[in-house]
Amino acid sequence: MRILRPIISLIDQLNELVGRAVAWLTIVMVINVFLVVILRYVFSTGWIWMQELYVWTHATVFMLGAGYTLLHEGHVRIDLIYRNASQKYKATINIIGSLFLGLPLIYLIFDRALPMVSRSWMNLEKSAEAGGMQGLFLFKSVIVLFAFLFGLQLLALLLRSVGTLFDSQGNQEQRHAEQEGQDT
């Protein structure tokens, strides 16, 4: 488990850094939406690229912040069952969920997105809308980054949960040995 701790820590630090950096995009998004609304309803004008910008920033915040949210256990769970459960039970649920639901889904997203993103980069794809934003290929790359960062955080959750199970078993065996030593 000592070997895994630095790996888990590195993954956690990466998603912490990305999550905190991407959180600043919410300020950009709010200002942008405010300006779009004021320009449209007060001045009867607007630009397509501004409307696309708030959609892109919103999607970027959600996709790149997903690993950060998982790190801080912010994703939806059935708290009636999970909240009051033992650490061993939670670790078992996290292992099963990561191995059979999370990682396969992330792999599928990555596998399907990579060719699309590659084509987009080859064509330097831009918005299909007249007056839209130019770097659609950059925006599509966020899908691959999402899969990578969220996949890494799922891996960290999996490793942490495996560690919890082994630490729990090791502590139980140690307590059992100590009790046997006291009994004799």
C-alpha atoms as a PDB file:
ATOM      1  CA  MET A   1       0.000   0.000   0.000  1.00  0.00           C
ATOM      2  CA  ARG A   2       2.943   2.336   0.599  1.00  0.00           C
ATOM      3  CA  ILE A   3       3.747   2.231  -3.119  1.00  0.00           C
ATOM      4  CA  LEU A   4       0.188   3.221  -4.038  1.00  0.00           C
ATOM      5  CA  ARG A   5      -0.078   6.229  -1.699  1.00  0.00           C
ATOM      6  CA  PRO A   6       2.189   8.525  -3.793  1.00  0.00           C
ATOM      7  CA  ILE A   7       0.296   7.540  -6.962  1.00  0.00           C
ATOM      8  CA  ILE A   8      -3.060   8.238  -5.328  1.00  0.00           C
ATOM      9  CA  SER A   9      -1.729  11.521  -3.938  1.00  0.00           C
ATOM     10  CA  LEU A  10      -0.420  12.622  -7.342  1.00  0.00           C
ATOM     11  CA  ILE A  11      -3.779  11.889  -9.007  1.00  0.00           C
ATOM     12  CA  ASP A  12      -5.622  13.726  -6.231  1.00  0.00           C
ATOM     13  CA  GLN A  13      -3.318  16.740  -6.551  1.00  0.00           C
ATOM     14  CA  LEU A  14      -3.777  16.842 -10.332  1.00  0.00           C
ATOM     15  CA  ASN A  15      -7.583  16.824 -10.101  1.00  0.00           C
ATOM     16  CA  GLU A  16      -7.485  19.321  -7.226  1.00  0.00           C
ATOM     17  CA  LEU A  17      -5.398  21.689  -9.342  1.00  0.00           C
ATOM     18  CA  VAL A  18      -7.554  21.261 -12.456  1.00  0.00           C
ATOM     19  CA  GLY A  19     -10.780  21.606 -10.448  1.00  0.00           C
ATOM     20  CA  ARG A  20      -9.681  24.819  -8.778  1.00  0.00           C
ATOM     21  CA  ALA A  21      -8.430  26.279 -12.067  1.00  0.00           C
ATOM     22  CA  VAL A  22     -11.611  25.387 -13.963  1.00  0.00           C
ATOM     23  CA  ALA A  23     -13.767  26.832 -11.189  1.00  0.00           C
ATOM     24  CA  TRP A  24     -12.630  30.279 -12.321  1.00  0.00           C
ATOM     25  CA  LEU A  25     -14.385  29.662 -15.630  1.00  0.00           C
ATOM     26  CA  THR A  26     -17.702  29.916 -13.805  1.00  0.00           C
ATOM     27  CA  ILE A  27     -16.992  33.604 -13.220  1.00  0.00           C
ATOM     28  CA  VAL A  28     -16.257  34.046 -16.938  1.00  0.00           C
ATOM     29  CA  MET A  29     -19.469  32.173 -17.747  1.00  0.00           C
ATOM     30  CA  VAL A  30     -21.642  34.301 -15.429  1.00  0.00           C
ATOM     31  CA  ILE A  31     -20.197  37.548 -16.793  1.00  0.00           C
ATOM     32  CA  ASN A  32     -20.656  36.286 -20.348  1.00  0.00           C
ATOM     33  CA  VAL A  33     -24.303  35.276 -19.787  1.00  0.00           C
ATOM     34  CA  PHE A  34     -24.976  38.620 -18.104  1.00  0.00           C
ATOM     35  CA  LEU A  35     -23.512  40.489 -21.085  1.00  0.00           C
ATOM     36  CA  VAL A  36     -25.441  38.357 -23.601  1.00  0.00           C
ATOM     37  CA  VAL A  37     -28.716  39.085 -21.810  1.00  0.00           C
ATOM     38  CA  ILE A  38     -28.011  42.824 -21.468  1.00  0.00           C
ATOM     39  CA  LEU A  39     -26.908  43.117 -25.097  1.00  0.00           C
ATOM     40  CA  ARG A  40     -29.934  41.213 -26.373  1.00  0.00           C
ATOM     41  CA  TYR A  41     -32.726  42.702 -24.271  1.00  0.00           C
ATOM     42  CA  VAL A  42     -31.435  46.217 -23.658  1.00  0.00           C
ATOM     43  CA  PHE A  43     -29.512  46.939 -26.865  1.00  0.00           C
ATOM     44  CA  SER A  44     -31.213  44.440 -29.234  1.00  0.00           C
ATOM     45  CA  THR A  45     -27.890  43.099 -30.421  1.00  0.00           C
ATOM     46  CA  GLY A  46     -25.681  40.099 -29.855  1.00  0.00           C
ATOM     47  CA  TRP A  47     -23.063  37.819 -31.309  1.00  0.00           C
ATOM     48  CA  ILE A  48     -23.193  34.090 -31.906  1.00  0.00           C
ATOM     49  CA  TRP A  49     -19.668  33.602 -30.560  1.00  0.00           C
ATOM     50  CA  MET A  50     -20.732  35.022 -27.181  1.00  0.00           C
ATOM     51  CA  GLN A  51     -23.610  32.575 -26.951  1.00  0.00           C
ATOM     52  CA  GLU A  52     -21.320  29.696 -27.889  1.00  0.00           C
ATOM     53  CA  LEU A  53     -18.755  30.869 -25.348  1.00  0.00           C
ATOM     54  CA  TYR A  54     -21.062  30.369 -22.388  1.00  0.00           C
ATOM     55  CA  VAL A  55     -22.108  26.933 -23.649  1.00  0.00           C
ATOM     56  CA  TRP A  56     -18.449  25.960 -24.072  1.00  0.00           C
ATOM     57  CA  THR A  57     -17.402  27.307 -20.660  1.00  0.00           C
ATOM     58  CA  HIS A  58     -20.341  25.572 -18.976  1.00  0.00           C
ATOM     59  CA  ALA A  59     -19.469  22.231 -20.589  1.00  0.00           C
ATOM     60  CA  THR A  60     -15.769  22.673 -19.816  1.00  0.00           C
ATOM     61  CA  VAL A  61     -16.464  23.363 -16.148  1.00  0.00           C
ATOM     62  CA  PHE A  62     -18.601  20.243 -15.862  1.00  0.00           C
ATOM     63  CA  MET A  63     -16.314  17.925 -17.796  1.00  0.00           C
ATOM     64  CA  LEU A  64     -12.981  19.013 -16.359  1.00  0.00           C
ATOM     65  CA  GLY A  65     -14.459  19.461 -12.883  1.00  0.00           C
ATOM     66  CA  ALA A  66     -15.869  15.917 -12.771  1.00  0.00           C
ATOM     67  CA  GLY A  67     -12.646  14.412 -11.404  1.00  0.00           C
ATOM     68  CA  TYR A  68     -12.465  17.137  -8.747  1.00  0.00           C
ATOM     69  CA  THR A  69     -16.067  16.405  -7.789  1.00  0.00           C
ATOM     70  CA  LEU A  70     -15.320  12.682  -7.490  1.00  0.00           C
ATOM     71  CA  LEU A  71     -12.248  13.469  -5.382  1.00  0.00           C
ATOM     72  CA  HIS A  72     -14.445  15.392  -2.932  1.00  0.00           C
ATOM     73  CA  GLU A  73     -17.263  12.794  -3.058  1.00  0.00           C
ATOM     74  CA  GLY A  74     -19.668  15.262  -4.609  1.00  0.00           C
ATOM     75  CA  HIS A  75     -21.321  12.927  -7.083  1.00  0.00           C
ATOM     76  CA  VAL A  76     -24.821  11.644  -6.424  1.00  0.00           C
ATOM     77  CA  ARG A  77     -25.044   8.460  -4.396  1.00  0.00           C
ATOM     78  CA  ILE A  78     -27.832   6.692  -2.598  1.00  0.00           C
ATOM     79  CA  ASP A  79     -27.009   8.220   0.757  1.00  0.00           C
ATOM     80  CA  LEU A  80     -29.655   6.219   2.597  1.00  0.00           C
ATOM     81  CA  ILE A  81     -27.503   3.133   2.071  1.00  0.00           C
ATOM     82  CA  TYR A  82     -24.002   4.543   1.654  1.00  0.00           C
ATOM     83  CA  ARG A  83     -23.803   7.321   4.257  1.00  0.00           C
ATOM     84  CA  ASN A  84     -24.066   5.210   7.420  1.00  0.00           C
ATOM     85  CA  ALA A  85     -22.263   2.157   6.039  1.00  0.00           C
ATOM     86  CA  SER A  86     -18.954   0.865   7.363  1.00  0.00           C
ATOM     87  CA  GLN A  87     -15.688   1.810   5.673  1.00  0.00           C
ATOM     88  CA  LYS A  88     -15.269  -1.767   4.434  1.00  0.00           C
ATOM     89  CA  TYR A  89     -18.749  -1.741   2.860  1.00  0.00           C
ATOM     90  CA  LYS A  90     -18.119   1.660   1.231  1.00  0.00           C
ATOM     91  CA  ALA A  91     -14.773   0.417  -0.111  1.00  0.00           C
ATOM     92  CA  THR A  92     -16.447  -2.688  -1.555  1.00  0.00           C
ATOM     93  CA  ILE A  93     -19.157  -0.603  -3.236  1.00  0.00           C
ATOM     94  CA  ASN A  94     -16.502   1.784  -4.635  1.00  0.00           C
ATOM     95  CA  ILE A  95     -14.449  -1.117  -6.025  1.00  0.00           C
ATOM     96  CA  ILE A  96     -17.449  -2.743  -7.684  1.00  0.00           C
ATOM     97  CA  GLY A  97     -18.714   0.580  -9.031  1.00  0.00           C
ATOM     98  CA  SER A  98     -15.300   1.603 -10.351  1.00  0.00           C
ATOM     99  CA  LEU A  99     -14.483  -1.734 -11.974  1.00  0.00           C
ATOM    100  CA  PHE A 100     -17.851  -2.583 -13.482  1.00  0.00           C
ATOM    101  CA  LEU A 101     -19.464   0.793 -14.133  1.00  0.00           C
ATOM    102  CA  GLY A 102     -17.068   3.745 -14.028  1.00  0.00           C
ATOM    103  CA  LEU A 103     -13.912   2.535 -15.752  1.00  0.00           C
ATOM    104  CA  PRO A 104     -15.711   0.702 -18.604  1.00  0.00           C
ATOM    105  CA  LEU A 105     -17.858   3.776 -19.274  1.00  0.00           C
ATOM    106  CA  ILE A 106     -14.842   6.093 -19.230  1.00  0.00           C
ATOM    107  CA  TYR A 107     -12.984   3.748 -21.581  1.00  0.00           C
ATOM    108  CA  LEU A 108     -15.975   3.755 -23.956  1.00  0.00           C
ATOM    109  CA  ILE A 109     -16.150   7.564 -23.906  1.00  0.00           C
ATOM    110  CA  PHE A 110     -12.401   7.838 -24.531  1.00  0.00           C
ATOM    111  CA  ASP A 111     -12.471   5.222 -27.293  1.00  0.00           C
ATOM    112  CA  ARG A 112     -15.358   6.890 -29.135  1.00  0.00           C
ATOM    113  CA  ALA A 113     -14.129  10.458 -28.624  1.00  0.00           C
ATOM    114  CA  LEU A 114     -10.520  10.014 -29.698  1.00  0.00           C
ATOM    115  CA  PRO A 115     -11.192   9.486 -33.453  1.00  0.00           C
ATOM    116  CA  MET A 116     -13.685  12.366 -33.476  1.00  0.00           C
ATOM    117  CA  VAL A 117     -11.194  14.683 -31.755  1.00  0.00           C
ATOM    118  CA  SER A 118      -8.381  13.572 -34.089  1.00  0.00           C
ATOM    119  CA  ARG A 119     -10.499  14.385 -37.178  1.00  0.00           C
ATOM    120  CA  SER A 120     -11.431  17.706 -35.634  1.00  0.00           C
ATOM    121  CA  TRP A 121      -7.761  18.585 -35.098  1.00  0.00           C
ATOM    122  CA  MET A 122      -6.812  17.514 -38.643  1.00  0.00           C
ATOM    123  CA  ASN A 123      -9.455  19.848 -40.062  1.00  0.00           C
ATOM    124  CA  LEU A 124      -8.934  22.574 -37.440  1.00  0.00           C
ATOM    125  CA  GLU A 125     -12.697  22.433 -37.074  1.00  0.00           C
ATOM    126  CA  LYS A 126     -14.605  25.582 -36.228  1.00  0.00           C
ATOM    127  CA  SER A 127     -18.195  26.333 -35.378  1.00  0.00           C
ATOM    128  CA  ALA A 128     -20.785  25.563 -38.055  1.00  0.00           C
ATOM    129  CA  GLU A 129     -22.584  28.805 -37.175  1.00  0.00           C
ATOM    130  CA  ALA A 130     -21.749  31.980 -39.070  1.00  0.00           C
ATOM    131  CA  GLY A 131     -19.930  34.208 -36.612  1.00  0.00           C
ATOM    132  CA  GLY A 132     -19.350  31.296 -34.237  1.00  0.00           C
ATOM    133  CA  MET A 133     -16.182  30.450 -32.342  1.00  0.00           C
ATOM    134  CA  GLN A 134     -13.162  29.228 -34.274  1.00  0.00           C
ATOM    135  CA  GLY A 135     -11.531  26.553 -32.083  1.00  0.00           C
ATOM    136  CA  LEU A 136     -14.133  23.785 -31.963  1.00  0.00           C
ATOM    137  CA  PHE A 137     -11.264  21.259 -32.139  1.00  0.00           C
ATOM    138  CA  LEU A 138      -9.981  22.627 -28.805  1.00  0.00           C
ATOM    139  CA  PHE A 139     -13.413  22.332 -27.241  1.00  0.00           C
ATOM    140  CA  LYS A 140     -13.828  18.751 -28.440  1.00  0.00           C
ATOM    141  CA  SER A 141     -10.463  17.917 -26.861  1.00  0.00           C
ATOM    142  CA  VAL A 142     -12.061  18.565 -23.490  1.00  0.00           C
ATOM    143  CA  ILE A 143     -13.956  15.272 -23.910  1.00  0.00           C
ATOM    144  CA  VAL A 144     -10.667  13.351 -24.042  1.00  0.00           C
ATOM    145  CA  LEU A 145      -9.303  15.348 -21.108  1.00  0.00           C
ATOM    146  CA  PHE A 146     -12.483  14.551 -19.168  1.00  0.00           C
ATOM    147  CA  ALA A 147     -12.062  10.829 -19.800  1.00  0.00           C
ATOM    148  CA  PHE A 148      -8.399  10.983 -18.789  1.00  0.00           C
ATOM    149  CA  LEU A 149      -8.874  13.024 -15.585  1.00  0.00           C
ATOM    150  CA  PHE A 150     -12.036  11.252 -14.455  1.00  0.00           C
ATOM    151  CA  GLY A 151     -10.509   7.869 -15.288  1.00  0.00           C
ATOM    152  CA  LEU A 152      -7.452   8.713 -13.200  1.00  0.00           C
ATOM    153  CA  GLN A 153      -9.643   9.773 -10.283  1.00  0.00           C
ATOM    154  CA  LEU A 154     -11.650   6.554 -10.585  1.00  0.00           C
ATOM    155  CA  LEU A 155      -8.360   4.667 -10.477  1.00  0.00           C
ATOM    156  CA  ALA A 156      -7.360   6.593  -7.339  1.00  0.00           C
ATOM    157  CA  LEU A 157     -10.735   5.769  -5.759  1.00  0.00           C
ATOM    158  CA  LEU A 158     -10.268   2.121  -6.662  1.00  0.00           C
ATOM    159  CA  LEU A 159      -6.737   1.991  -5.227  1.00  0.00           C
ATOM    160  CA  ARG A 160      -7.797   3.852  -2.084  1.00  0.00           C
ATOM    161  CA  SER A 161     -10.705   1.439  -1.608  1.00  0.00           C
ATOM    162  CA  VAL A 162      -8.483  -1.607  -2.090  1.00  0.00           C
ATOM    163  CA  GLY A 163      -6.129  -0.097   0.483  1.00  0.00           C
ATOM    164  CA  THR A 164      -9.036   0.399   2.882  1.00  0.00           C
ATOM    165  CA  LEU A 165     -10.006  -3.259   2.545  1.00  0.00           C
ATOM    166  CA  PHE A 166      -6.448  -4.491   3.102  1.00  0.00           C
ATOM    167  CA  ASP A 167      -5.780  -2.065   5.952  1.00  0.00           C
ATOM    168  CA  SER A 168      -9.027  -3.138   7.549  1.00  0.00           C
ATOM    169  CA  GLN A 169      -8.115  -6.823   7.253  1.00  0.00           C
ATOM    170  CA  GLY A 170      -4.582  -6.172   8.470  1.00  0.00           C
ATOM    171  CA  ASN A 171      -5.847  -4.222  11.486  1.00  0.00           C
ATOM    172  CA  GLN A 172      -8.353  -6.959  12.319  1.00  0.00           C
ATOM    173  CA  GLU A 173      -5.644  -9.632  12.112  1.00  0.00           C
ATOM    174  CA  GLN A 174      -3.337  -7.507  14.292  1.00  0.00           C
ATOM    175  CA  ARG A 175      -6.093  -6.975  16.888  1.00  0.00           C
ATOM    176  CA  HIS A 176      -6.882 -10.709  16.850  1.00  0.00           C
ATOM    177  CA  ALA A 177      -3.191 -11.558  17.392  1.00  0.00           C
ATOM    178  CA  GLU A 178      -2.964  -9.008  20.230  1.00  0.00           C
ATOM    179  CA  GLN A 179      -6.036 -10.494  21.897  1.00  0.00           C
ATOM    180  CA  GLU A 180      -4.608 -14.013  21.655  1.00  0.00           C
ATOM    181  CA  GLY A 181      -1.365 -12.741  23.202  1.00  0.00           C
ATOM    182  CA  GLN A 182      -3.289 -11.217  26.125  1.00  0.00           C
ATOM    183  CA  ASP A 183      -5.347 -14.389  26.672  1.00  0.00           C
ATOM    184  CA  THR A 184      -2.246 -16.587  27.132  1.00  0.00           C
END
